[in-house]
Amino acid sequence: MNRTEQPAPATPVHACFTLRFSSTPRGARLARRLCAERLHAWGVPYGSEGHDVLTLLVSELATNAVTHGHVSGRDFRVHLLAFTVPGSGALTVRAEVTDTRGDRLPEPASAQGAGGDGTGGRGLLLVDALADRWGWGPRPEGPGKTVWAEYTVRIGPPSAPVA
């Protein structure tokens, strides 16, 4: 299991993106799309495995915030951090999704429970399978929780412009 309660690694922050979204399916879609654009701008190109995995992680966390963390009249927040280790050629992206409902805590469904006819419970199984690390903690500035996932991608040197 990849779940852990440890904080993010103490490495230099390469880039940061934070935005609040309405706690609706439309807000979750917009979060996924804006994060996908931001990842591309950070050097994780559209269509790459890293981009697809990170976009799916954001999508699942945002969908869970809308489905299980919804409080009427309250938004959810997405915060992306990109950490680099100098000379490593790797970028670790941490996706954090914060909602205002603290009484429903994240727990992936068991593999047996996910095989049923229900329509829920598989999102955190995907997060657990795809993320290098994931976890959750209480929302520091009020009621609710923050669920986060980290994934490391290889990034190459910037390519020279084609003439």
N, C-alpha and C. Protein backbone atom coordinates (compact mmCIF):
# COMPACT_ATOMS: atom_id res chain seq x y z
N MET A 1 0.84 -1.18 0.00
CA MET A 1 0.00 0.00 0.00
C MET A 1 0.88 1.23 0.00
N ASN A 2 0.53 2.21 -0.80
CA ASN A 2 1.32 3.42 -0.95
C ASN A 2 0.92 4.52 0.03
N ARG A 3 -0.11 4.29 0.81
CA ARG A 3 -0.63 5.33 1.69
C ARG A 3 0.36 5.61 2.80
N THR A 4 0.55 6.87 3.08
CA THR A 4 1.45 7.28 4.15
C THR A 4 0.98 8.60 4.72
N GLU A 5 1.33 8.87 5.93
CA GLU A 5 0.94 10.11 6.59
C GLU A 5 2.11 11.09 6.62
N GLN A 6 3.20 10.80 5.89
CA GLN A 6 4.38 11.63 5.93
C GLN A 6 4.19 12.88 5.09
N PRO A 7 4.85 13.98 5.46
CA PRO A 7 4.76 15.21 4.66
C PRO A 7 5.57 15.08 3.38
N ALA A 8 5.44 16.08 2.52
CA ALA A 8 6.18 16.11 1.26
C ALA A 8 7.67 16.18 1.54
N PRO A 9 8.48 15.68 0.60
CA PRO A 9 9.93 15.75 0.79
C PRO A 9 10.41 17.19 0.84
N ALA A 10 11.46 17.42 1.60
CA ALA A 10 12.01 18.77 1.75
C ALA A 10 12.97 19.05 0.60
N THR A 11 12.45 19.25 -0.58
CA THR A 11 13.25 19.57 -1.75
C THR A 11 12.75 20.90 -2.31
N PRO A 12 13.55 21.54 -3.14
CA PRO A 12 13.13 22.84 -3.67
C PRO A 12 11.85 22.74 -4.49
N VAL A 13 10.97 23.70 -4.28
CA VAL A 13 9.73 23.75 -5.05
C VAL A 13 10.05 24.36 -6.40
N HIS A 14 9.71 23.63 -7.45
CA HIS A 14 9.95 24.06 -8.83
C HIS A 14 8.81 24.98 -9.29
N ALA A 15 7.59 24.59 -8.98
CA ALA A 15 6.43 25.36 -9.42
C ALA A 15 5.25 25.07 -8.50
N CYS A 16 4.27 25.98 -8.53
CA CYS A 16 3.11 25.85 -7.65
C CYS A 16 1.87 26.37 -8.39
N PHE A 17 0.74 25.72 -8.15
CA PHE A 17 -0.53 26.13 -8.76
C PHE A 17 -1.62 25.87 -7.74
N THR A 18 -2.44 26.86 -7.42
CA THR A 18 -3.54 26.71 -6.48
C THR A 18 -4.77 27.43 -7.02
N LEU A 19 -5.91 26.73 -6.93
CA LEU A 19 -7.15 27.34 -7.37
C LEU A 19 -8.32 26.68 -6.65
N ARG A 20 -9.37 27.46 -6.39
CA ARG A 20 -10.61 26.93 -5.80
C ARG A 20 -11.62 26.67 -6.90
N PHE A 21 -12.41 25.62 -6.71
CA PHE A 21 -13.40 25.21 -7.69
C PHE A 21 -14.73 24.97 -7.00
N SER A 22 -15.82 25.16 -7.74
CA SER A 22 -17.13 24.86 -7.18
C SER A 22 -17.23 23.36 -6.93
N SER A 23 -17.89 22.99 -5.88
CA SER A 23 -18.00 21.58 -5.49
C SER A 23 -19.10 20.91 -6.31
N THR A 24 -18.86 20.84 -7.63
CA THR A 24 -19.81 20.26 -8.58
C THR A 24 -19.03 19.40 -9.56
N PRO A 25 -19.71 18.53 -10.31
CA PRO A 25 -19.00 17.78 -11.36
C PRO A 25 -18.29 18.70 -12.36
N ARG A 26 -18.90 19.82 -12.67
CA ARG A 26 -18.27 20.78 -13.57
C ARG A 26 -16.96 21.33 -12.98
N GLY A 27 -16.97 21.59 -11.66
CA GLY A 27 -15.76 22.04 -10.99
C GLY A 27 -14.65 20.99 -11.03
N ALA A 28 -15.02 19.73 -10.86
CA ALA A 28 -14.03 18.64 -10.92
C ALA A 28 -13.44 18.54 -12.33
N ARG A 29 -14.28 18.66 -13.36
CA ARG A 29 -13.79 18.63 -14.75
C ARG A 29 -12.83 19.79 -15.01
N LEU A 30 -13.21 20.98 -14.57
CA LEU A 30 -12.37 22.15 -14.77
C LEU A 30 -11.03 21.99 -14.04
N ALA A 31 -11.06 21.45 -12.83
CA ALA A 31 -9.82 21.21 -12.08
C ALA A 31 -8.90 20.29 -12.87
N ARG A 32 -9.45 19.20 -13.41
CA ARG A 32 -8.65 18.26 -14.19
C ARG A 32 -8.04 18.95 -15.41
N ARG A 33 -8.84 19.71 -16.12
CA ARG A 33 -8.35 20.36 -17.34
C ARG A 33 -7.28 21.41 -17.06
N LEU A 34 -7.50 22.24 -16.04
CA LEU A 34 -6.51 23.27 -15.73
C LEU A 34 -5.21 22.65 -15.19
N CYS A 35 -5.33 21.59 -14.42
CA CYS A 35 -4.12 20.91 -13.93
C CYS A 35 -3.37 20.25 -15.08
N ALA A 36 -4.10 19.69 -16.04
CA ALA A 36 -3.46 19.09 -17.22
C ALA A 36 -2.67 20.15 -17.99
N GLU A 37 -3.24 21.32 -18.14
CA GLU A 37 -2.54 22.40 -18.84
C GLU A 37 -1.31 22.84 -18.06
N ARG A 38 -1.45 22.93 -16.74
CA ARG A 38 -0.33 23.36 -15.90
C ARG A 38 0.81 22.34 -15.96
N LEU A 39 0.48 21.05 -15.92
CA LEU A 39 1.50 20.00 -16.01
C LEU A 39 2.26 20.11 -17.33
N HIS A 40 1.55 20.33 -18.41
CA HIS A 40 2.19 20.49 -19.72
C HIS A 40 3.15 21.68 -19.69
N ALA A 41 2.72 22.78 -19.10
CA ALA A 41 3.57 23.98 -19.00
C ALA A 41 4.80 23.72 -18.15
N TRP A 42 4.72 22.79 -17.20
CA TRP A 42 5.85 22.46 -16.33
C TRP A 42 6.80 21.43 -16.95
N GLY A 43 6.53 21.01 -18.17
CA GLY A 43 7.43 20.07 -18.83
C GLY A 43 6.99 18.62 -18.79
N VAL A 44 5.75 18.37 -18.38
CA VAL A 44 5.18 17.02 -18.42
C VAL A 44 4.19 17.04 -19.58
N PRO A 45 4.63 16.63 -20.79
CA PRO A 45 3.83 16.87 -22.00
C PRO A 45 2.55 16.05 -22.07
N TYR A 46 1.55 16.64 -22.72
CA TYR A 46 0.30 15.93 -22.99
C TYR A 46 0.61 14.59 -23.64
N GLY A 47 -0.13 13.56 -23.27
CA GLY A 47 0.02 12.25 -23.89
C GLY A 47 1.12 11.40 -23.31
N SER A 48 1.97 11.97 -22.46
CA SER A 48 3.02 11.16 -21.84
C SER A 48 2.41 10.36 -20.68
N GLU A 49 3.08 9.29 -20.31
CA GLU A 49 2.57 8.46 -19.21
C GLU A 49 2.45 9.27 -17.92
N GLY A 50 3.45 10.07 -17.62
CA GLY A 50 3.42 10.88 -16.41
C GLY A 50 2.26 11.86 -16.40
N HIS A 51 2.01 12.49 -17.54
CA HIS A 51 0.90 13.43 -17.65
C HIS A 51 -0.43 12.72 -17.43
N ASP A 52 -0.58 11.56 -18.08
CA ASP A 52 -1.84 10.81 -17.95
C ASP A 52 -2.08 10.37 -16.51
N VAL A 53 -1.03 9.87 -15.85
CA VAL A 53 -1.17 9.41 -14.46
C VAL A 53 -1.51 10.58 -13.55
N LEU A 54 -0.79 11.68 -13.67
CA LEU A 54 -1.03 12.82 -12.79
C LEU A 54 -2.41 13.43 -13.02
N THR A 55 -2.83 13.49 -14.27
CA THR A 55 -4.17 14.01 -14.56
C THR A 55 -5.24 13.11 -13.97
N LEU A 56 -5.03 11.80 -14.06
CA LEU A 56 -6.00 10.86 -13.47
C LEU A 56 -6.02 11.00 -11.95
N LEU A 57 -4.86 11.19 -11.32
CA LEU A 57 -4.83 11.37 -9.87
C LEU A 57 -5.61 12.62 -9.45
N VAL A 58 -5.39 13.73 -10.16
CA VAL A 58 -6.12 14.96 -9.85
C VAL A 58 -7.62 14.74 -10.06
N SER A 59 -7.96 14.07 -11.15
CA SER A 59 -9.36 13.82 -11.45
C SER A 59 -10.04 13.00 -10.36
N GLU A 60 -9.39 11.95 -9.90
CA GLU A 60 -9.98 11.10 -8.86
C GLU A 60 -10.10 11.85 -7.54
N LEU A 61 -9.08 12.61 -7.16
CA LEU A 61 -9.14 13.36 -5.90
C LEU A 61 -10.21 14.45 -5.96
N ALA A 62 -10.30 15.15 -7.10
CA ALA A 62 -11.33 16.19 -7.24
C ALA A 62 -12.73 15.59 -7.25
N THR A 63 -12.90 14.47 -7.94
CA THR A 63 -14.20 13.80 -7.97
C THR A 63 -14.61 13.34 -6.57
N ASN A 64 -13.66 12.82 -5.82
CA ASN A 64 -13.95 12.42 -4.44
C ASN A 64 -14.34 13.62 -3.58
N ALA A 65 -13.68 14.76 -3.79
CA ALA A 65 -14.03 15.96 -3.02
C ALA A 65 -15.47 16.39 -3.32
N VAL A 66 -15.86 16.26 -4.59
CA VAL A 66 -17.22 16.65 -4.99
C VAL A 66 -18.24 15.62 -4.50
N THR A 67 -17.90 14.35 -4.61
CA THR A 67 -18.84 13.28 -4.28
C THR A 67 -18.95 13.04 -2.77
N HIS A 68 -17.82 12.98 -2.09
CA HIS A 68 -17.82 12.59 -0.67
C HIS A 68 -17.50 13.74 0.28
N GLY A 69 -16.93 14.84 -0.23
CA GLY A 69 -16.54 15.94 0.64
C GLY A 69 -17.38 17.18 0.45
N HIS A 70 -18.46 17.06 -0.30
CA HIS A 70 -19.30 18.21 -0.63
C HIS A 70 -20.04 18.73 0.61
N VAL A 71 -19.93 20.02 0.82
CA VAL A 71 -20.74 20.73 1.80
C VAL A 71 -21.38 21.87 1.02
N SER A 72 -22.69 21.97 1.10
CA SER A 72 -23.43 22.96 0.32
C SER A 72 -22.85 24.36 0.53
N GLY A 73 -22.59 25.04 -0.58
CA GLY A 73 -22.07 26.40 -0.53
C GLY A 73 -20.58 26.51 -0.32
N ARG A 74 -19.87 25.39 -0.24
CA ARG A 74 -18.42 25.40 -0.01
C ARG A 74 -17.69 24.85 -1.22
N ASP A 75 -16.58 25.47 -1.57
CA ASP A 75 -15.75 25.04 -2.69
C ASP A 75 -14.71 24.03 -2.23
N PHE A 76 -14.02 23.44 -3.20
CA PHE A 76 -12.85 22.63 -2.87
C PHE A 76 -11.64 23.31 -3.52
N ARG A 77 -10.47 23.01 -3.01
CA ARG A 77 -9.24 23.64 -3.50
C ARG A 77 -8.29 22.58 -4.03
N VAL A 78 -7.65 22.90 -5.15
CA VAL A 78 -6.61 22.04 -5.70
C VAL A 78 -5.30 22.82 -5.62
N HIS A 79 -4.28 22.14 -5.13
CA HIS A 79 -2.96 22.73 -4.97
C HIS A 79 -1.96 21.76 -5.57
N LEU A 80 -1.25 22.17 -6.62
CA LEU A 80 -0.20 21.35 -7.22
C LEU A 80 1.15 21.94 -6.87
N LEU A 81 2.05 21.09 -6.45
CA LEU A 81 3.44 21.48 -6.18
C LEU A 81 4.34 20.58 -7.00
N ALA A 82 5.34 21.16 -7.62
CA ALA A 82 6.33 20.38 -8.36
C ALA A 82 7.68 20.54 -7.67
N PHE A 83 8.24 19.44 -7.22
CA PHE A 83 9.53 19.43 -6.53
C PHE A 83 10.59 18.86 -7.46
N THR A 84 11.75 19.47 -7.46
CA THR A 84 12.86 18.94 -8.24
C THR A 84 14.04 18.66 -7.33
N VAL A 85 14.80 17.67 -7.70
CA VAL A 85 16.07 17.40 -7.05
C VAL A 85 17.13 17.76 -8.08
N PRO A 86 17.95 18.77 -7.81
CA PRO A 86 18.91 19.23 -8.82
C PRO A 86 19.75 18.08 -9.36
N GLY A 87 19.83 18.02 -10.68
CA GLY A 87 20.64 17.01 -11.34
C GLY A 87 19.99 15.65 -11.48
N SER A 88 18.79 15.48 -10.97
CA SER A 88 18.16 14.15 -11.01
C SER A 88 17.39 13.91 -12.30
N GLY A 89 16.96 14.94 -12.98
CA GLY A 89 16.14 14.79 -14.17
C GLY A 89 14.74 14.29 -13.84
N ALA A 90 14.33 14.45 -12.59
CA ALA A 90 13.00 13.99 -12.17
C ALA A 90 12.24 15.14 -11.54
N LEU A 91 10.94 15.06 -11.70
CA LEU A 91 10.03 16.06 -11.14
C LEU A 91 8.98 15.29 -10.34
N THR A 92 8.88 15.60 -9.05
CA THR A 92 7.84 14.99 -8.22
C THR A 92 6.71 16.00 -8.10
N VAL A 93 5.53 15.57 -8.51
CA VAL A 93 4.35 16.44 -8.44
C VAL A 93 3.47 15.95 -7.32
N ARG A 94 3.10 16.86 -6.46
CA ARG A 94 2.19 16.57 -5.35
C ARG A 94 0.87 17.27 -5.63
N ALA A 95 -0.19 16.51 -5.74
CA ALA A 95 -1.53 17.05 -5.95
C ALA A 95 -2.28 16.97 -4.63
N GLU A 96 -2.75 18.10 -4.15
CA GLU A 96 -3.51 18.17 -2.91
C GLU A 96 -4.91 18.70 -3.22
N VAL A 97 -5.91 18.01 -2.71
CA VAL A 97 -7.29 18.46 -2.87
C VAL A 97 -7.90 18.59 -1.48
N THR A 98 -8.39 19.78 -1.19
CA THR A 98 -8.92 20.09 0.13
C THR A 98 -10.42 20.35 0.03
N ASP A 99 -11.19 19.67 0.88
CA ASP A 99 -12.63 19.94 0.96
C ASP A 99 -12.95 20.36 2.39
N THR A 100 -14.21 20.68 2.66
CA THR A 100 -14.58 21.20 3.97
C THR A 100 -15.37 20.20 4.80
N ARG A 101 -15.39 18.95 4.38
CA ARG A 101 -16.12 17.93 5.14
C ARG A 101 -15.12 17.01 5.81
N GLY A 102 -15.02 17.10 7.13
CA GLY A 102 -14.03 16.32 7.85
C GLY A 102 -14.55 15.02 8.43
N ASP A 103 -15.86 14.75 8.32
CA ASP A 103 -16.41 13.54 8.94
C ASP A 103 -16.34 12.32 8.03
N ARG A 104 -16.08 12.50 6.75
CA ARG A 104 -15.96 11.37 5.82
C ARG A 104 -14.51 11.27 5.40
N LEU A 105 -13.80 10.33 6.01
CA LEU A 105 -12.37 10.21 5.78
C LEU A 105 -12.08 9.22 4.66
N PRO A 106 -11.01 9.47 3.88
CA PRO A 106 -10.71 8.62 2.73
C PRO A 106 -10.18 7.26 3.14
N GLU A 107 -10.71 6.25 2.52
CA GLU A 107 -10.24 4.87 2.73
C GLU A 107 -10.59 4.10 1.46
N PRO A 108 -9.58 3.51 0.80
CA PRO A 108 -9.89 2.77 -0.42
C PRO A 108 -10.74 1.55 -0.12
N ALA A 109 -11.64 1.24 -1.05
CA ALA A 109 -12.46 0.03 -0.92
C ALA A 109 -11.55 -1.18 -1.05
N SER A 110 -11.94 -2.27 -0.45
CA SER A 110 -11.15 -3.49 -0.60
C SER A 110 -11.28 -3.99 -2.03
N ALA A 111 -10.34 -4.77 -2.46
CA ALA A 111 -10.36 -5.32 -3.82
C ALA A 111 -11.63 -6.14 -4.03
N GLN A 112 -12.10 -6.85 -2.99
CA GLN A 112 -13.32 -7.65 -3.13
C GLN A 112 -14.53 -6.75 -3.25
N GLY A 113 -14.56 -5.66 -2.48
CA GLY A 113 -15.70 -4.76 -2.52
C GLY A 113 -15.78 -4.00 -3.83
N ALA A 114 -14.65 -3.78 -4.49
CA ALA A 114 -14.65 -3.02 -5.74
C ALA A 114 -15.18 -3.85 -6.90
N GLY A 115 -15.25 -5.15 -6.76
CA GLY A 115 -15.71 -5.99 -7.86
C GLY A 115 -17.21 -6.07 -7.95
N GLY A 116 -17.94 -5.48 -7.01
CA GLY A 116 -19.40 -5.56 -7.01
C GLY A 116 -20.02 -4.64 -8.04
N ASP A 117 -21.34 -4.52 -7.94
CA ASP A 117 -22.08 -3.72 -8.90
C ASP A 117 -22.17 -2.25 -8.50
N GLY A 118 -21.62 -1.88 -7.34
CA GLY A 118 -21.69 -0.49 -6.89
C GLY A 118 -20.96 0.44 -7.83
N THR A 119 -21.30 1.72 -7.75
CA THR A 119 -20.67 2.70 -8.63
C THR A 119 -19.59 3.50 -7.93
N GLY A 120 -19.32 3.24 -6.67
CA GLY A 120 -18.33 4.02 -5.95
C GLY A 120 -17.27 3.17 -5.30
N GLY A 121 -16.24 3.84 -4.78
CA GLY A 121 -15.22 3.16 -4.01
C GLY A 121 -13.98 2.76 -4.77
N ARG A 122 -13.94 3.01 -6.06
CA ARG A 122 -12.78 2.59 -6.84
C ARG A 122 -11.74 3.69 -7.00
N GLY A 123 -12.13 4.94 -6.77
CA GLY A 123 -11.23 6.06 -7.00
C GLY A 123 -9.95 5.98 -6.20
N LEU A 124 -10.06 5.70 -4.91
CA LEU A 124 -8.86 5.62 -4.09
C LEU A 124 -8.07 4.34 -4.36
N LEU A 125 -8.70 3.30 -4.90
CA LEU A 125 -7.94 2.14 -5.36
C LEU A 125 -7.02 2.54 -6.50
N LEU A 126 -7.53 3.37 -7.42
CA LEU A 126 -6.69 3.87 -8.51
C LEU A 126 -5.57 4.75 -7.97
N VAL A 127 -5.89 5.63 -7.05
CA VAL A 127 -4.88 6.51 -6.46
C VAL A 127 -3.81 5.65 -5.78
N ASP A 128 -4.24 4.66 -5.02
CA ASP A 128 -3.30 3.78 -4.32
C ASP A 128 -2.41 3.02 -5.30
N ALA A 129 -2.97 2.59 -6.43
CA ALA A 129 -2.20 1.82 -7.40
C ALA A 129 -1.24 2.70 -8.22
N LEU A 130 -1.62 3.94 -8.50
CA LEU A 130 -0.83 4.77 -9.41
C LEU A 130 0.15 5.70 -8.71
N ALA A 131 -0.21 6.22 -7.56
CA ALA A 131 0.63 7.21 -6.88
C ALA A 131 1.84 6.54 -6.24
N ASP A 132 2.94 7.29 -6.21
CA ASP A 132 4.11 6.81 -5.47
C ASP A 132 3.83 6.82 -3.97
N ARG A 133 3.13 7.86 -3.54
CA ARG A 133 2.72 8.00 -2.15
C ARG A 133 1.41 8.76 -2.13
N TRP A 134 0.58 8.49 -1.14
CA TRP A 134 -0.64 9.27 -0.95
C TRP A 134 -1.02 9.23 0.51
N GLY A 135 -1.85 10.16 0.91
CA GLY A 135 -2.31 10.20 2.29
C GLY A 135 -3.30 11.34 2.45
N TRP A 136 -3.60 11.64 3.68
CA TRP A 136 -4.54 12.72 3.97
C TRP A 136 -4.23 13.29 5.34
N GLY A 137 -4.74 14.48 5.59
CA GLY A 137 -4.58 15.12 6.88
C GLY A 137 -5.70 16.11 7.08
N PRO A 138 -5.86 16.59 8.29
CA PRO A 138 -6.91 17.58 8.55
C PRO A 138 -6.60 18.89 7.83
N ARG A 139 -7.63 19.57 7.45
CA ARG A 139 -7.49 20.87 6.81
C ARG A 139 -6.99 21.85 7.85
N PRO A 140 -5.86 22.51 7.61
CA PRO A 140 -5.26 23.34 8.66
C PRO A 140 -6.05 24.60 9.01
N GLU A 141 -6.77 25.17 8.05
CA GLU A 141 -7.43 26.45 8.30
C GLU A 141 -8.91 26.34 8.63
N GLY A 142 -9.38 25.16 8.96
CA GLY A 142 -10.79 25.03 9.32
C GLY A 142 -11.25 23.59 9.21
N PRO A 143 -12.56 23.38 9.19
CA PRO A 143 -13.05 22.00 9.11
C PRO A 143 -12.77 21.40 7.73
N GLY A 144 -12.59 20.11 7.72
CA GLY A 144 -12.37 19.42 6.45
C GLY A 144 -11.07 18.64 6.45
N LYS A 145 -10.64 18.26 5.26
CA LYS A 145 -9.45 17.43 5.11
C LYS A 145 -8.77 17.75 3.79
N THR A 146 -7.49 17.39 3.72
CA THR A 146 -6.71 17.48 2.49
C THR A 146 -6.24 16.09 2.15
N VAL A 147 -6.57 15.64 0.94
CA VAL A 147 -6.10 14.35 0.44
C VAL A 147 -5.05 14.66 -0.61
N TRP A 148 -3.90 13.99 -0.54
CA TRP A 148 -2.81 14.29 -1.46
C TRP A 148 -2.25 13.02 -2.07
N ALA A 149 -1.63 13.19 -3.22
CA ALA A 149 -0.96 12.09 -3.91
C ALA A 149 0.29 12.66 -4.58
N GLU A 150 1.35 11.86 -4.60
CA GLU A 150 2.60 12.26 -5.25
C GLU A 150 2.99 11.25 -6.31
N TYR A 151 3.56 11.77 -7.38
CA TYR A 151 4.02 10.93 -8.47
C TYR A 151 5.26 11.58 -9.06
N THR A 152 6.28 10.79 -9.34
CA THR A 152 7.53 11.29 -9.89
C THR A 152 7.63 10.94 -11.36
N VAL A 153 7.96 11.93 -12.17
CA VAL A 153 8.13 11.72 -13.61
C VAL A 153 9.54 12.12 -14.01
N ARG A 154 10.04 11.47 -15.03
CA ARG A 154 11.32 11.85 -15.61
C ARG A 154 11.07 13.00 -16.58
N ILE A 155 11.90 14.00 -16.47
CA ILE A 155 11.81 15.11 -17.43
C ILE A 155 13.17 15.26 -18.09
N GLY A 156 13.15 15.48 -19.35
CA GLY A 156 14.39 15.65 -20.10
C GLY A 156 14.77 17.11 -20.18
N PRO A 157 15.96 17.36 -20.72
CA PRO A 157 16.34 18.76 -20.91
C PRO A 157 15.43 19.41 -21.93
N PRO A 158 15.21 20.70 -21.81
CA PRO A 158 14.34 21.37 -22.76
C PRO A 158 14.87 21.20 -24.19
N SER A 159 14.00 20.88 -25.11
CA SER A 159 14.43 20.69 -26.48
C SER A 159 14.60 22.05 -27.16
N ALA A 160 15.54 22.07 -28.08
CA ALA A 160 15.79 23.31 -28.80
C ALA A 160 14.64 23.58 -29.76
N PRO A 161 14.29 24.84 -29.97
CA PRO A 161 13.21 25.15 -30.89
C PRO A 161 13.58 24.71 -32.31
N VAL A 162 12.58 24.23 -33.01
CA VAL A 162 12.78 23.80 -34.38
C VAL A 162 12.64 25.00 -35.29
N ALA A 163 13.63 25.18 -36.18
CA ALA A 163 13.61 26.33 -37.08
C ALA A 163 12.71 26.11 -38.26
